[in-house]
């Protein structure tokens, strides 16, 4: 555990968070983007294709068969998305602690955490959503307090409620900085969406052509662009959130390089 003097000398730094996140992506782009595409963007893409195909082949789009298919592929897409998050957390934590990790090890780390991560995300969504319905500020506070719960769950094997408590402990004393970081991350994701829209407009030859193409169903160009930008978004979001966890952990506890093998063993 870091001493009070060390904590005072070394505060949580947003700059270090982004440096660590982009450093991880820059050092292992194939691994990071590959995980995000295979387990995040690609399943989502297949969901859209399956749903679109069901609507075309079914006389009534809301038939029981169509609804069942949509639900089935939706659940699979969520499962793969959670797997992607767990795997990207594994890679980012390992890189931050000076370790290397293979694709199989990262995927296995995500696979082991699918169920607890799903429960964690569900509980957080319900609690934050309910708090936001009462008043926006409590929902934002809960989001900040639990902002590193998912990386904690993957990296420290704490269990669902342990991850929530550990996240509250790690974020204490740095929540305004974390709130600022989340706003920056939101702006980054919005920028990615904006760039995707601009590229799609140019690729379609104008706004009217893009609207007409979307009305007739997703085309090849829009499908490729969607998969590409979803891959980028998933990678950046997971890397930054995990880098935030590492920054807070190192600030509160000191680096944990020696314990990494035991954590993921």
Foldseek 3Di string as FASTA:
>chain_A
DDDPVLLVVDDQDLVQLLVLLVVLCVVCVCLLLVLCLVLALVLVLVLQVLLVVCCVPDPDSPDPVSVVSNVVSVVSNLLSLQLSLLLLLLSSLQVVLVHHDDSVLSSVLSNVCSVQLVVLVVVLCVVLVVLVVVPNVVSLQLCLQLLLLSSCCSQAVLTRVRSSVVSNVLCPPPSVVSSVSVVVLVVVLVVLVVVLVVVLQVVLVHDVSSVVCVVVPDDPVNSVSSSVSSSVSSSSSSSSSSSSVQSSCCSVPNRDSVCRVVRSD
